Amino acid sequence: MQYNPVIVCGITISPNPSNMCINCIRNEVDITEGIPKHSTLQYCRNCERYLQPPNVWVLAALESRELLALCLKKLKGLNKVRLIDAGFIWTEPHSKRIKVKLTIQKEVVYCLFIFNTIIL
């Protein structure tokens, strides 16, 4: 088997369509591009519901499937990648922030997929 040096980092790899190692590809390509890093959910303190646009208020407990679905619908760039896993990250009980951890996958080069985990 023939090995070729990678132009960017200099290590030798078996030939692939991009002629780059996985670390160089991850540095060159950002698969999270187009996915917003922050989003805003409207919450009513009186009825304890979240606004699902345009005008529907949804009852959802913290860390529930309904709230996760609402959070994922707010993210516009998810249709360009494949969502592998999604879940909540624990925050302080008095905190008004909801953190979501996403694992996404995208094909960068023919038959070369990159996985990435992001926290929103």
PDB file of N, CA and C in Angstrom:
ATOM      1  N   MET A   1       0.844  -1.180   0.000  1.00  0.00           N
ATOM      2  CA  MET A   1       0.000   0.000   0.000  1.00  0.00           C
ATOM      3  C   MET A   1       0.887   1.240   0.000  1.00  0.00           C
ATOM      4  N   GLN A   2       0.509   2.200  -0.797  1.00  0.00           N
ATOM      5  CA  GLN A   2       1.293   3.416  -0.935  1.00  0.00           C
ATOM      6  C   GLN A   2       0.773   4.480   0.028  1.00  0.00           C
ATOM      7  N   TYR A   3       1.681   5.208   0.656  1.00  0.00           N
ATOM      8  CA  TYR A   3       1.330   6.281   1.559  1.00  0.00           C
ATOM      9  C   TYR A   3       1.808   7.603   0.980  1.00  0.00           C
ATOM     10  N   ASN A   4       1.002   8.623   1.141  1.00  0.00           N
ATOM     11  CA  ASN A   4       1.332   9.958   0.636  1.00  0.00           C
ATOM     12  C   ASN A   4       1.436  10.930   1.800  1.00  0.00           C
ATOM     13  N   PRO A   5       2.366  11.890   1.711  1.00  0.00           N
ATOM     14  CA  PRO A   5       2.431  12.908   2.767  1.00  0.00           C
ATOM     15  C   PRO A   5       1.323  13.951   2.585  1.00  0.00           C
ATOM     16  N   VAL A   6       0.795  14.410   3.705  1.00  0.00           N
ATOM     17  CA  VAL A   6      -0.211  15.467   3.680  1.00  0.00           C
ATOM     18  C   VAL A   6       0.527  16.794   3.519  1.00  0.00           C
ATOM     19  N   ILE A   7       0.048  17.636   2.601  1.00  0.00           N
ATOM     20  CA  ILE A   7       0.717  18.905   2.313  1.00  0.00           C
ATOM     21  C   ILE A   7       0.664  19.844   3.511  1.00  0.00           C
ATOM     22  N   VAL A   8      -0.444  19.844   4.239  1.00  0.00           N
ATOM     23  CA  VAL A   8      -0.626  20.807   5.321  1.00  0.00           C
ATOM     24  C   VAL A   8       0.214  20.461   6.543  1.00  0.00           C
ATOM     25  N   CYS A   9       0.117  19.213   7.032  1.00  0.00           N
ATOM     26  CA  CYS A   9       0.800  18.871   8.282  1.00  0.00           C
ATOM     27  C   CYS A   9       2.037  17.991   8.090  1.00  0.00           C
ATOM     28  N   GLY A  10       2.175  17.309   6.955  1.00  0.00           N
ATOM     29  CA  GLY A  10       3.369  16.542   6.672  1.00  0.00           C
ATOM     30  C   GLY A  10       3.350  15.082   7.093  1.00  0.00           C
ATOM     31  N   ILE A  11       2.301  14.612   7.766  1.00  0.00           N
ATOM     32  CA  ILE A  11       2.268  13.198   8.131  1.00  0.00           C
ATOM     33  C   ILE A  11       1.889  12.373   6.909  1.00  0.00           C
ATOM     34  N   THR A  12       2.218  11.087   6.950  1.00  0.00           N
ATOM     35  CA  THR A  12       1.900  10.225   5.819  1.00  0.00           C
ATOM     36  C   THR A  12       0.600   9.481   6.092  1.00  0.00           C
ATOM     37  N   ILE A  13      -0.256   9.426   5.067  1.00  0.00           N
ATOM     38  CA  ILE A  13      -1.551   8.750   5.161  1.00  0.00           C
ATOM     39  C   ILE A  13      -1.759   7.915   3.911  1.00  0.00           C
ATOM     40  N   SER A  14      -2.698   6.991   4.007  1.00  0.00           N
ATOM     41  CA  SER A  14      -3.089   6.274   2.801  1.00  0.00           C
ATOM     42  C   SER A  14      -3.921   7.238   1.948  1.00  0.00           C
ATOM     43  N   PRO A  15      -3.830   7.139   0.639  1.00  0.00           N
ATOM     44  CA  PRO A  15      -4.523   8.103  -0.231  1.00  0.00           C
ATOM     45  C   PRO A  15      -6.037   8.102  -0.014  1.00  0.00           C
ATOM     46  N   ASN A  16      -6.618   9.292  -0.011  1.00  0.00           N
ATOM     47  CA  ASN A  16      -8.068   9.464   0.053  1.00  0.00           C
ATOM     48  C   ASN A  16      -8.449  10.588  -0.899  1.00  0.00           C
ATOM     49  N   PRO A  17      -9.723  10.805  -1.173  1.00  0.00           N
ATOM     50  CA  PRO A  17     -10.117  11.819  -2.161  1.00  0.00           C
ATOM     51  C   PRO A  17      -9.653  13.238  -1.841  1.00  0.00           C
ATOM     52  N   SER A  18      -9.495  13.572  -0.575  1.00  0.00           N
ATOM     53  CA  SER A  18      -9.092  14.940  -0.227  1.00  0.00           C
ATOM     54  C   SER A  18      -7.582  15.086  -0.078  1.00  0.00           C
ATOM     55  N   ASN A  19      -6.858  13.985   0.037  1.00  0.00           N
ATOM     56  CA  ASN A  19      -5.414  13.988   0.286  1.00  0.00           C
ATOM     57  C   ASN A  19      -5.048  14.780   1.532  1.00  0.00           C
ATOM     58  N   MET A  20      -5.922  14.713   2.545  1.00  0.00           N
ATOM     59  CA  MET A  20      -5.648  15.348   3.827  1.00  0.00           C
ATOM     60  C   MET A  20      -6.027  14.377   4.944  1.00  0.00           C
ATOM     61  N   CYS A  21      -5.363  14.519   6.090  1.00  0.00           N
ATOM     62  CA  CYS A  21      -5.717  13.703   7.251  1.00  0.00           C
ATOM     63  C   CYS A  21      -6.975  14.281   7.889  1.00  0.00           C
ATOM     64  N   ILE A  22      -7.569  13.523   8.787  1.00  0.00           N
ATOM     65  CA  ILE A  22      -8.824  13.938   9.391  1.00  0.00           C
ATOM     66  C   ILE A  22      -8.665  15.209  10.222  1.00  0.00           C
ATOM     67  N   ASN A  23      -7.529  15.380  10.873  1.00  0.00           N
ATOM     68  CA  ASN A  23      -7.302  16.598  11.664  1.00  0.00           C
ATOM     69  C   ASN A  23      -7.204  17.835  10.772  1.00  0.00           C
ATOM     70  N   CYS A  24      -6.556  17.714   9.634  1.00  0.00           N
ATOM     71  CA  CYS A  24      -6.459  18.845   8.703  1.00  0.00           C
ATOM     72  C   CYS A  24      -7.827  19.180   8.110  1.00  0.00           C
ATOM     73  N   ILE A  25      -8.622  18.157   7.816  1.00  0.00           N
ATOM     74  CA  ILE A  25      -9.959  18.402   7.276  1.00  0.00           C
ATOM     75  C   ILE A  25     -10.821  19.113   8.313  1.00  0.00           C
ATOM     76  N   ARG A  26     -10.743  18.686   9.570  1.00  0.00           N
ATOM     77  CA  ARG A  26     -11.513  19.350  10.631  1.00  0.00           C
ATOM     78  C   ARG A  26     -11.097  20.805  10.810  1.00  0.00           C
ATOM     79  N   ASN A  27      -9.815  21.086  10.630  1.00  0.00           N
ATOM     80  CA  ASN A  27      -9.346  22.472  10.748  1.00  0.00           C
ATOM     81  C   ASN A  27      -9.780  23.321   9.562  1.00  0.00           C
ATOM     82  N   GLU A  28      -9.884  22.715   8.384  1.00  0.00           N
ATOM     83  CA  GLU A  28     -10.227  23.456   7.166  1.00  0.00           C
ATOM     84  C   GLU A  28     -11.735  23.652   6.994  1.00  0.00           C
ATOM     85  N   VAL A  29     -12.540  22.652   7.393  1.00  0.00           N
ATOM     86  CA  VAL A  29     -13.969  22.670   7.127  1.00  0.00           C
ATOM     87  C   VAL A  29     -14.735  22.828   8.442  1.00  0.00           C
ATOM     88  N   ASP A  30     -15.639  23.792   8.481  1.00  0.00           N
ATOM     89  CA  ASP A  30     -16.490  24.007   9.645  1.00  0.00           C
ATOM     90  C   ASP A  30     -17.893  23.521   9.303  1.00  0.00           C
ATOM     91  N   ILE A  31     -18.266  22.342   9.840  1.00  0.00           N
ATOM     92  CA  ILE A  31     -19.584  21.799   9.509  1.00  0.00           C
ATOM     93  C   ILE A  31     -20.687  22.467  10.317  1.00  0.00           C
ATOM     94  N   THR A  32     -20.326  23.280  11.307  1.00  0.00           N
ATOM     95  CA  THR A  32     -21.332  23.994  12.096  1.00  0.00           C
ATOM     96  C   THR A  32     -21.677  25.345  11.489  1.00  0.00           C
ATOM     97  N   GLU A  33     -21.087  25.662  10.346  1.00  0.00           N
ATOM     98  CA  GLU A  33     -21.370  26.935   9.693  1.00  0.00           C
ATOM     99  C   GLU A  33     -22.841  26.981   9.276  1.00  0.00           C
ATOM    100  N   GLY A  34     -23.502  28.061   9.599  1.00  0.00           N
ATOM    101  CA  GLY A  34     -24.904  28.220   9.274  1.00  0.00           C
ATOM    102  C   GLY A  34     -25.844  27.842  10.403  1.00  0.00           C
ATOM    103  N   ILE A  35     -25.300  27.241  11.472  1.00  0.00           N
ATOM    104  CA  ILE A  35     -26.117  26.904  12.642  1.00  0.00           C
ATOM    105  C   ILE A  35     -25.882  27.998  13.682  1.00  0.00           C
ATOM    106  N   PRO A  36     -26.935  28.694  14.098  1.00  0.00           N
ATOM    107  CA  PRO A  36     -26.738  29.764  15.086  1.00  0.00           C
ATOM    108  C   PRO A  36     -26.274  29.195  16.428  1.00  0.00           C
ATOM    109  N   LYS A  37     -25.387  29.919  17.092  1.00  0.00           N
ATOM    110  CA  LYS A  37     -24.853  29.465  18.375  1.00  0.00           C
ATOM    111  C   LYS A  37     -25.752  29.858  19.548  1.00  0.00           C
ATOM    112  N   HIS A  38     -26.648  30.816  19.331  1.00  0.00           N
ATOM    113  CA  HIS A  38     -27.570  31.261  20.372  1.00  0.00           C
ATOM    114  C   HIS A  38     -28.947  31.436  19.759  1.00  0.00           C
ATOM    115  N   SER A  39     -29.948  31.220  20.561  1.00  0.00           N
ATOM    116  CA  SER A  39     -31.318  31.441  20.138  1.00  0.00           C
ATOM    117  C   SER A  39     -32.120  31.862  21.362  1.00  0.00           C
ATOM    118  N   THR A  40     -33.272  32.473  21.142  1.00  0.00           N
ATOM    119  CA  THR A  40     -34.082  32.971  22.235  1.00  0.00           C
ATOM    120  C   THR A  40     -35.436  32.280  22.245  1.00  0.00           C
ATOM    121  N   LEU A  41     -35.821  31.796  23.409  1.00  0.00           N
ATOM    122  CA  LEU A  41     -37.144  31.225  23.616  1.00  0.00           C
ATOM    123  C   LEU A  41     -37.939  32.180  24.491  1.00  0.00           C
ATOM    124  N   GLN A  42     -39.177  32.421  24.115  1.00  0.00           N
ATOM    125  CA  GLN A  42     -40.046  33.266  24.927  1.00  0.00           C
ATOM    126  C   GLN A  42     -40.758  32.383  25.947  1.00  0.00           C
ATOM    127  N   TYR A  43     -40.708  32.789  27.221  1.00  0.00           N
ATOM    128  CA  TYR A  43     -41.288  32.012  28.314  1.00  0.00           C
ATOM    129  C   TYR A  43     -42.228  32.899  29.119  1.00  0.00           C
ATOM    130  N   CYS A  44     -43.407  32.392  29.415  1.00  0.00           N
ATOM    131  CA  CYS A  44     -44.379  33.117  30.228  1.00  0.00           C
ATOM    132  C   CYS A  44     -44.268  32.617  31.668  1.00  0.00           C
ATOM    133  N   ARG A  45     -43.976  33.506  32.594  1.00  0.00           N
ATOM    134  CA  ARG A  45     -43.841  33.112  33.997  1.00  0.00           C
ATOM    135  C   ARG A  45     -45.187  32.787  34.634  1.00  0.00           C
ATOM    136  N   ASN A  46     -46.236  33.396  34.143  1.00  0.00           N
ATOM    137  CA  ASN A  46     -47.562  33.173  34.737  1.00  0.00           C
ATOM    138  C   ASN A  46     -48.105  31.784  34.415  1.00  0.00           C
ATOM    139  N   CYS A  47     -48.119  31.420  33.138  1.00  0.00           N
ATOM    140  CA  CYS A  47     -48.688  30.122  32.755  1.00  0.00           C
ATOM    141  C   CYS A  47     -47.624  29.042  32.555  1.00  0.00           C
ATOM    142  N   GLU A  48     -46.345  29.416  32.686  1.00  0.00           N
ATOM    143  CA  GLU A  48     -45.205  28.492  32.557  1.00  0.00           C
ATOM    144  C   GLU A  48     -45.229  27.745  31.227  1.00  0.00           C
ATOM    145  N   ARG A  49     -45.384  28.498  30.145  1.00  0.00           N
ATOM    146  CA  ARG A  49     -45.402  27.929  28.794  1.00  0.00           C
ATOM    147  C   ARG A  49     -44.382  28.650  27.926  1.00  0.00           C
ATOM    148  N   TYR A  50     -44.000  27.976  26.834  1.00  0.00           N
ATOM    149  CA  TYR A  50     -43.050  28.526  25.872  1.00  0.00           C
ATOM    150  C   TYR A  50     -43.792  28.873  24.592  1.00  0.00           C
ATOM    151  N   LEU A  51     -43.345  29.958  23.957  1.00  0.00           N
ATOM    152  CA  LEU A  51     -43.970  30.395  22.712  1.00  0.00           C
ATOM    153  C   LEU A  51     -43.420  29.594  21.550  1.00  0.00           C
ATOM    154  N   GLN A  52     -44.332  28.961  20.822  1.00  0.00           N
ATOM    155  CA  GLN A  52     -43.975  28.290  19.574  1.00  0.00           C
ATOM    156  C   GLN A  52     -44.563  29.146  18.460  1.00  0.00           C
ATOM    157  N   PRO A  53     -43.703  29.870  17.735  1.00  0.00           N
ATOM    158  CA  PRO A  53     -44.214  30.829  16.742  1.00  0.00           C
ATOM    159  C   PRO A  53     -45.146  30.172  15.736  1.00  0.00           C
ATOM    160  N   PRO A  54     -46.124  30.876  15.238  1.00  0.00           N
ATOM    161  CA  PRO A  54     -46.357  32.310  15.374  1.00  0.00           C
ATOM    162  C   PRO A  54     -47.112  32.706  16.641  1.00  0.00           C
ATOM    163  N   ASN A  55     -48.061  31.911  17.130  1.00  0.00           N
ATOM    164  CA  ASN A  55     -48.822  32.377  18.291  1.00  0.00           C
ATOM    165  C   ASN A  55     -49.357  31.242  19.160  1.00  0.00           C
ATOM    166  N   VAL A  56     -48.620  30.147  19.275  1.00  0.00           N
ATOM    167  CA  VAL A  56     -49.054  29.004  20.079  1.00  0.00           C
ATOM    168  C   VAL A  56     -48.152  28.908  21.309  1.00  0.00           C
ATOM    169  N   TRP A  57     -48.762  28.825  22.487  1.00  0.00           N
ATOM    170  CA  TRP A  57     -48.016  28.653  23.724  1.00  0.00           C
ATOM    171  C   TRP A  57     -48.059  27.179  24.106  1.00  0.00           C
ATOM    172  N   VAL A  58     -46.888  26.569  24.298  1.00  0.00           N
ATOM    173  CA  VAL A  58     -46.765  25.134  24.539  1.00  0.00           C
ATOM    174  C   VAL A  58     -46.303  24.900  25.974  1.00  0.00           C
ATOM    175  N   LEU A  59     -46.972  23.980  26.646  1.00  0.00           N
ATOM    176  CA  LEU A  59     -46.564  23.589  27.989  1.00  0.00           C
ATOM    177  C   LEU A  59     -45.471  22.533  27.870  1.00  0.00           C
ATOM    178  N   ALA A  60     -44.294  22.841  28.432  1.00  0.00           N
ATOM    179  CA  ALA A  60     -43.168  21.912  28.348  1.00  0.00           C
ATOM    180  C   ALA A  60     -42.346  22.015  29.620  1.00  0.00           C
ATOM    181  N   ALA A  61     -42.084  20.891  30.243  1.00  0.00           N
ATOM    182  CA  ALA A  61     -41.255  20.862  31.444  1.00  0.00           C
ATOM    183  C   ALA A  61     -39.789  20.998  31.051  1.00  0.00           C
ATOM    184  N   LEU A  62     -38.971  21.401  32.007  1.00  0.00           N
ATOM    185  CA  LEU A  62     -37.531  21.486  31.748  1.00  0.00           C
ATOM    186  C   LEU A  62     -36.990  20.106  31.410  1.00  0.00           C
ATOM    187  N   GLU A  63     -36.097  20.067  30.428  1.00  0.00           N
ATOM    188  CA  GLU A  63     -35.447  18.839  29.946  1.00  0.00           C
ATOM    189  C   GLU A  63     -36.448  17.805  29.437  1.00  0.00           C
ATOM    190  N   SER A  64     -37.556  18.260  28.895  1.00  0.00           N
ATOM    191  CA  SER A  64     -38.545  17.340  28.321  1.00  0.00           C
ATOM    192  C   SER A  64     -38.327  17.214  26.811  1.00  0.00           C
ATOM    193  N   ARG A  65     -38.944  16.215  26.222  1.00  0.00           N
ATOM    194  CA  ARG A  65     -38.848  16.007  24.776  1.00  0.00           C
ATOM    195  C   ARG A  65     -39.502  17.160  24.026  1.00  0.00           C
ATOM    196  N   GLU A  66     -40.589  17.691  24.585  1.00  0.00           N
ATOM    197  CA  GLU A  66     -41.293  18.797  23.942  1.00  0.00           C
ATOM    198  C   GLU A  66     -40.425  20.052  23.885  1.00  0.00           C
ATOM    199  N   LEU A  67     -39.713  20.312  24.985  1.00  0.00           N
ATOM    200  CA  LEU A  67     -38.842  21.490  25.013  1.00  0.00           C
ATOM    201  C   LEU A  67     -37.649  21.304  24.077  1.00  0.00           C
ATOM    202  N   LEU A  68     -37.115  20.094  24.014  1.00  0.00           N
ATOM    203  CA  LEU A  68     -36.011  19.822  23.098  1.00  0.00           C
ATOM    204  C   LEU A  68     -36.461  19.991  21.650  1.00  0.00           C
ATOM    205  N   ALA A  69     -37.648  19.516  21.324  1.00  0.00           N
ATOM    206  CA  ALA A  69     -38.181  19.687  19.965  1.00  0.00           C
ATOM    207  C   ALA A  69     -38.372  21.161  19.640  1.00  0.00           C
ATOM    208  N   LEU A  70     -38.843  21.935  20.599  1.00  0.00           N
ATOM    209  CA  LEU A  70     -39.022  23.369  20.400  1.00  0.00           C
ATOM    210  C   LEU A  70     -37.681  24.060  20.174  1.00  0.00           C
ATOM    211  N   CYS A  71     -36.669  23.664  20.937  1.00  0.00           N
ATOM    212  CA  CYS A  71     -35.327  24.242  20.765  1.00  0.00           C
ATOM    213  C   CYS A  71     -34.745  23.907  19.396  1.00  0.00           C
ATOM    214  N   LEU A  72     -34.942  22.672  18.956  1.00  0.00           N
ATOM    215  CA  LEU A  72     -34.394  22.259  17.660  1.00  0.00           C
ATOM    216  C   LEU A  72     -35.105  22.939  16.497  1.00  0.00           C
ATOM    217  N   LYS A  73     -36.383  23.234  16.654  1.00  0.00           N
ATOM    218  CA  LYS A  73     -37.115  23.934  15.598  1.00  0.00           C
ATOM    219  C   LYS A  73     -36.639  25.371  15.437  1.00  0.00           C
ATOM    220  N   LYS A  74     -36.090  25.939  16.504  1.00  0.00           N
ATOM    221  CA  LYS A  74     -35.603  27.320  16.451  1.00  0.00           C
ATOM    222  C   LYS A  74     -34.285  27.446  15.688  1.00  0.00           C
ATOM    223  N   LEU A  75     -33.566  26.344  15.522  1.00  0.00           N
ATOM    224  CA  LEU A  75     -32.267  26.375  14.846  1.00  0.00           C
ATOM    225  C   LEU A  75     -32.466  26.184  13.352  1.00  0.00           C
ATOM    226  N   LYS A  76     -32.107  27.180  12.573  1.00  0.00           N
ATOM    227  CA  LYS A  76     -32.406  27.188  11.137  1.00  0.00           C
ATOM    228  C   LYS A  76     -31.458  26.333  10.297  1.00  0.00           C
ATOM    229  N   GLY A  77     -30.196  26.168  10.686  1.00  0.00           N
ATOM    230  CA  GLY A  77     -29.229  25.506   9.828  1.00  0.00           C
ATOM    231  C   GLY A  77     -29.158  23.999   9.969  1.00  0.00           C
ATOM    232  N   LEU A  78     -30.043  23.392  10.736  1.00  0.00           N
ATOM    233  CA  LEU A  78     -29.960  21.945  10.960  1.00  0.00           C
ATOM    234  C   LEU A  78     -30.363  21.114   9.747  1.00  0.00           C
ATOM    235  N   ASN A  79     -31.000  21.720   8.752  1.00  0.00           N
ATOM    236  CA  ASN A  79     -31.393  20.948   7.571  1.00  0.00           C
ATOM    237  C   ASN A  79     -30.208  20.656   6.652  1.00  0.00           C
ATOM    238  N   LYS A  80     -29.053  21.297   6.880  1.00  0.00           N
ATOM    239  CA  LYS A  80     -27.876  21.078   6.042  1.00  0.00           C
ATOM    240  C   LYS A  80     -26.969  19.977   6.581  1.00  0.00           C
ATOM    241  N   VAL A  81     -27.227  19.539   7.808  1.00  0.00           N
ATOM    242  CA  VAL A  81     -26.422  18.486   8.429  1.00  0.00           C
ATOM    243  C   VAL A  81     -27.350  17.382   8.915  1.00  0.00           C
ATOM    244  N   ARG A  82     -26.758  16.268   9.298  1.00  0.00           N
ATOM    245  CA  ARG A  82     -27.546  15.163   9.853  1.00  0.00           C
ATOM    246  C   ARG A  82     -27.390  15.203  11.368  1.00  0.00           C
ATOM    247  N   LEU A  83     -28.517  15.256  12.063  1.00  0.00           N
ATOM    248  CA  LEU A  83     -28.512  15.296  13.520  1.00  0.00           C
ATOM    249  C   LEU A  83     -28.407  13.872  14.056  1.00  0.00           C
ATOM    250  N   ILE A  84     -27.346  13.594  14.803  1.00  0.00           N
ATOM    251  CA  ILE A  84     -27.110  12.261  15.347  1.00  0.00           C
ATOM    252  C   ILE A  84     -27.687  12.141  16.751  1.00  0.00           C
ATOM    253  N   ASP A  85     -27.424  13.144  17.598  1.00  0.00           N
ATOM    254  CA  ASP A  85     -27.877  13.092  18.981  1.00  0.00           C
ATOM    255  C   ASP A  85     -28.130  14.503  19.471  1.00  0.00           C
ATOM    256  N   ALA A  86     -29.088  14.652  20.363  1.00  0.00           N
ATOM    257  CA  ALA A  86     -29.389  15.942  20.972  1.00  0.00           C
ATOM    258  C   ALA A  86     -29.814  15.701  22.414  1.00  0.00           C
ATOM    259  N   GLY A  87     -29.379  16.579  23.287  1.00  0.00           N
ATOM    260  CA  GLY A  87     -29.746  16.452  24.692  1.00  0.00           C
ATOM    261  C   GLY A  87     -29.443  17.732  25.430  1.00  0.00           C
ATOM    262  N   PHE A  88     -29.969  17.822  26.624  1.00  0.00           N
ATOM    263  CA  PHE A  88     -29.758  19.005  27.449  1.00  0.00           C
ATOM    264  C   PHE A  88     -28.494  18.856  28.275  1.00  0.00           C
ATOM    265  N   ILE A  89     -27.878  19.979  28.581  1.00  0.00           N
ATOM    266  CA  ILE A  89     -26.767  20.036  29.517  1.00  0.00           C
ATOM    267  C   ILE A  89     -27.279  20.734  30.763  1.00  0.00           C
ATOM    268  N   TRP A  90     -26.968  20.182  31.903  1.00  0.00           N
ATOM    269  CA  TRP A  90     -27.488  20.696  33.156  1.00  0.00           C
ATOM    270  C   TRP A  90     -26.937  22.090  33.424  1.00  0.00           C
ATOM    271  N   THR A  91     -27.827  22.984  33.832  1.00  0.00           N
ATOM    272  CA  THR A  91     -27.442  24.320  34.288  1.00  0.00           C
ATOM    273  C   THR A  91     -28.041  24.529  35.678  1.00  0.00           C
ATOM    274  N   GLU A  92     -27.643  25.567  36.341  1.00  0.00           N
ATOM    275  CA  GLU A  92     -28.151  25.859  37.680  1.00  0.00           C
ATOM    276  C   GLU A  92     -29.672  25.981  37.652  1.00  0.00           C
ATOM    277  N   PRO A  93     -30.351  25.551  38.696  1.00  0.00           N
ATOM    278  CA  PRO A  93     -31.821  25.612  38.712  1.00  0.00           C
ATOM    279  C   PRO A  93     -32.388  27.023  38.567  1.00  0.00           C
ATOM    280  N   HIS A  94     -31.690  28.025  39.099  1.00  0.00           N
ATOM    281  CA  HIS A  94     -32.183  29.403  38.998  1.00  0.00           C
ATOM    282  C   HIS A  94     -31.765  30.086  37.704  1.00  0.00           C
ATOM    283  N   SER A  95     -30.962  29.402  36.894  1.00  0.00           N
ATOM    284  CA  SER A  95     -30.499  29.983  35.636  1.00  0.00           C
ATOM    285  C   SER A  95     -31.633  30.025  34.616  1.00  0.00           C
ATOM    286  N   LYS A  96     -31.642  31.065  33.814  1.00  0.00           N
ATOM    287  CA  LYS A  96     -32.661  31.179  32.767  1.00  0.00           C
ATOM    288  C   LYS A  96     -32.144  30.682  31.422  1.00  0.00           C
ATOM    289  N   ARG A  97     -30.966  30.084  31.426  1.00  0.00           N
ATOM    290  CA  ARG A  97     -30.372  29.574  30.190  1.00  0.00           C
ATOM    291  C   ARG A  97     -30.671  28.083  30.042  1.00  0.00           C
ATOM    292  N   ILE A  98     -30.899  27.706  28.809  1.00  0.00           N
ATOM    293  CA  ILE A  98     -31.073  26.296  28.467  1.00  0.00           C
ATOM    294  C   ILE A  98     -29.944  25.956  27.505  1.00  0.00           C
ATOM    295  N   LYS A  99     -29.137  24.970  27.863  1.00  0.00           N
ATOM    296  CA  LYS A  99     -28.029  24.554  27.005  1.00  0.00           C
ATOM    297  C   LYS A  99     -28.370  23.221  26.364  1.00  0.00           C
ATOM    298  N   VAL A 100     -28.120  23.136  25.067  1.00  0.00           N
ATOM    299  CA  VAL A 100     -28.403  21.928  24.300  1.00  0.00           C
ATOM    300  C   VAL A 100     -27.100  21.451  23.667  1.00  0.00           C
ATOM    301  N   LYS A 101     -26.842  20.162  23.794  1.00  0.00           N
ATOM    302  CA  LYS A 101     -25.656  19.546  23.192  1.00  0.00           C
ATOM    303  C   LYS A 101     -26.101  18.772  21.965  1.00  0.00           C
ATOM    304  N   LEU A 102     -25.519  19.100  20.816  1.00  0.00           N
ATOM    305  CA  LEU A 102     -25.865  18.447  19.556  1.00  0.00           C
ATOM    306  C   LEU A 102     -24.665  17.698  19.000  1.00  0.00           C
ATOM    307  N   THR A 103     -24.895  16.518  18.484  1.00  0.00           N
ATOM    308  CA  THR A 103     -23.885  15.792  17.720  1.00  0.00           C
ATOM    309  C   THR A 103     -24.398  15.732  16.291  1.00  0.00           C
ATOM    310  N   ILE A 104     -23.605  16.293  15.384  1.00  0.00           N
ATOM    311  CA  ILE A 104     -24.021  16.370  13.990  1.00  0.00           C
ATOM    312  C   ILE A 104     -23.005  15.677  13.090  1.00  0.00           C
ATOM    313  N   GLN A 105     -23.441  15.348  11.883  1.00  0.00           N
ATOM    314  CA  GLN A 105     -22.604  14.671  10.900  1.00  0.00           C
ATOM    315  C   GLN A 105     -22.830  15.335   9.554  1.00  0.00           C
ATOM    316  N   LYS A 106     -21.751  15.449   8.780  1.00  0.00           N
ATOM    317  CA  LYS A 106     -21.865  16.009   7.439  1.00  0.00           C
ATOM    318  C   LYS A 106     -20.831  15.357   6.539  1.00  0.00           C
ATOM    319  N   GLU A 107     -21.232  15.114   5.300  1.00  0.00           N
ATOM    320  CA  GLU A 107     -20.299  14.568   4.316  1.00  0.00           C
ATOM    321  C   GLU A 107     -19.509  15.735   3.741  1.00  0.00           C
ATOM    322  N   VAL A 108     -18.202  15.699   3.915  1.00  0.00           N
ATOM    323  CA  VAL A 108     -17.345  16.789   3.472  1.00  0.00           C
ATOM    324  C   VAL A 108     -16.831  16.529   2.066  1.00  0.00           C
ATOM    325  N   VAL A 109     -16.259  15.365   1.875  1.00  0.00           N
ATOM    326  CA  VAL A 109     -15.760  14.928   0.583  1.00  0.00           C
ATOM    327  C   VAL A 109     -16.430  13.585   0.308  1.00  0.00           C
ATOM    328  N   TYR A 110     -16.445  13.165  -0.919  1.00  0.00           N
ATOM    329  CA  TYR A 110     -17.096  11.920  -1.297  1.00  0.00           C
ATOM    330  C   TYR A 110     -16.741  10.801  -0.322  1.00  0.00           C
ATOM    331  N   CYS A 111     -17.751  10.265   0.345  1.00  0.00           N
ATOM    332  CA  CYS A 111     -17.631   9.168   1.311  1.00  0.00           C
ATOM    333  C   CYS A 111     -16.745   9.493   2.515  1.00  0.00           C
ATOM    334  N   LEU A 112     -16.588  10.757   2.849  1.00  0.00           N
ATOM    335  CA  LEU A 112     -15.816  11.160   4.021  1.00  0.00           C
ATOM    336  C   LEU A 112     -16.714  12.014   4.902  1.00  0.00           C
ATOM    337  N   PHE A 113     -17.095  11.449   6.047  1.00  0.00           N
ATOM    338  CA  PHE A 113     -18.025  12.108   6.957  1.00  0.00           C
ATOM    339  C   PHE A 113     -17.281  12.640   8.169  1.00  0.00           C
ATOM    340  N   ILE A 114     -17.726  13.794   8.653  1.00  0.00           N
ATOM    341  CA  ILE A 114     -17.158  14.374   9.859  1.00  0.00           C
ATOM    342  C   ILE A 114     -18.262  14.481  10.897  1.00  0.00           C
ATOM    343  N   PHE A 115     -17.944  14.056  12.108  1.00  0.00           N
ATOM    344  CA  PHE A 115     -18.843  14.214  13.246  1.00  0.00           C
ATOM    345  C   PHE A 115     -18.334  15.392  14.079  1.00  0.00           C
ATOM    346  N   ASN A 116     -19.261  16.129  14.658  1.00  0.00           N
ATOM    347  CA  ASN A 116     -18.878  17.244  15.508  1.00  0.00           C
ATOM    348  C   ASN A 116     -19.921  17.395  16.608  1.00  0.00           C
ATOM    349  N   THR A 117     -19.476  17.762  17.794  1.00  0.00           N
ATOM    350  CA  THR A 117     -20.369  18.011  18.921  1.00  0.00           C
ATOM    351  C   THR A 117     -20.300  19.487  19.249  1.00  0.00           C
ATOM    352  N   ILE A 118     -21.464  20.119  19.311  1.00  0.00           N
ATOM    353  CA  ILE A 118     -21.517  21.540  19.652  1.00  0.00           C
ATOM    354  C   ILE A 118     -22.491  21.755  20.795  1.00  0.00           C
ATOM    355  N   ILE A 119     -22.238  22.804  21.568  1.00  0.00           N
ATOM    356  CA  ILE A 119     -23.106  23.173  22.677  1.00  0.00           C
ATOM    357  C   ILE A 119     -23.694  24.532  22.373  1.00  0.00           C
ATOM    358  N   LEU A 120     -25.003  24.590  22.398  1.00  0.00           N
ATOM    359  CA  LEU A 120     -25.717  25.834  22.099  1.00  0.00           C
ATOM    360  C   LEU A 120     -26.403  26.340  23.344  1.00  0.00           C
TER     361      LEU A 120
END
